[in-house]
Amino acid sequence: MSNAEGISLGFEVESVDNMIEVIKEKGLEVESGPFQPNPHIKFFYVKDPNGVSIQFVENM
């Protein structure tokens, strides 16, 4: 068993809202978010089966 603590990956997507719908349709859960710390970026996180944190980010 691997320890994925501290490991994360990120992917840019065209639409965070659309990607959240895809994630939910696949039966997966959003770990946290979506967050929009400023008007130019929006993102959320999921965990893969190994515990790796995956960020999906939309640049606006």
Protein backbone atom coordinates (compact mmCIF):
# COMPACT_ATOMS: atom_id res chain seq x y z
CA MET A 1 0.00 0.00 0.00
CA SER A 2 1.43 3.38 -0.99
CA ASN A 3 1.27 6.56 1.02
CA ALA A 4 -0.04 9.32 -1.24
CA GLU A 5 -0.03 12.03 1.42
CA GLY A 6 1.41 15.24 0.03
CA ILE A 7 1.02 14.16 -3.61
CA SER A 8 -1.33 16.11 -5.84
CA LEU A 9 -2.01 16.48 -9.55
CA GLY A 10 -3.78 19.27 -11.37
CA PHE A 11 -5.64 19.53 -14.65
CA GLU A 12 -7.00 22.58 -16.44
CA VAL A 13 -10.59 22.21 -17.62
CA GLU A 14 -12.83 24.43 -19.72
CA SER A 15 -15.62 24.38 -17.13
CA VAL A 16 -15.42 23.42 -13.45
CA ASP A 17 -19.23 23.17 -13.28
CA ASN A 18 -19.34 20.72 -16.21
CA MET A 19 -16.47 18.65 -14.77
CA ILE A 20 -18.24 18.40 -11.40
CA GLU A 21 -21.27 16.96 -13.23
CA VAL A 22 -19.02 14.41 -15.01
CA ILE A 23 -17.42 13.43 -11.68
CA LYS A 24 -20.84 12.92 -10.07
CA GLU A 25 -22.15 10.96 -13.10
CA LYS A 26 -19.19 8.58 -12.65
CA GLY A 27 -20.28 7.97 -9.05
CA LEU A 28 -17.31 9.86 -7.59
CA GLU A 29 -17.39 12.49 -4.87
CA VAL A 30 -16.00 16.01 -4.82
CA GLU A 31 -13.56 16.13 -1.90
CA SER A 32 -13.68 19.92 -1.54
CA GLY A 33 -14.80 22.96 -3.47
CA PRO A 34 -15.57 24.44 -5.79
CA PHE A 35 -13.56 27.45 -4.70
CA GLN A 36 -13.29 30.80 -6.50
CA PRO A 37 -10.69 32.88 -4.64
CA ASN A 38 -10.83 35.59 -7.30
CA PRO A 39 -12.80 36.30 -10.51
CA HIS A 40 -10.14 34.63 -12.69
CA ILE A 41 -9.86 31.12 -11.25
CA LYS A 42 -12.19 28.39 -10.00
CA PHE A 43 -11.20 24.91 -8.80
CA PHE A 44 -12.18 21.79 -6.88
CA TYR A 45 -10.56 18.59 -5.62
CA VAL A 46 -11.26 14.87 -5.77
CA LYS A 47 -9.19 11.96 -4.40
CA ASP A 48 -8.16 9.05 -6.58
CA PRO A 49 -8.38 5.47 -5.23
CA ASN A 50 -4.79 5.74 -3.94
CA GLY A 51 -5.54 8.90 -1.96
CA VAL A 52 -3.83 11.27 -4.42
CA SER A 53 -5.50 14.70 -4.45
CA ILE A 54 -6.58 15.74 -7.96
CA GLN A 55 -7.31 19.40 -8.67
CA PHE A 56 -9.44 20.54 -11.60
CA VAL A 57 -8.99 24.24 -12.36
CA GLU A 58 -10.76 26.66 -14.69
CA ASN A 59 -8.98 29.85 -15.70
CA MET A 60 -11.62 32.49 -16.37
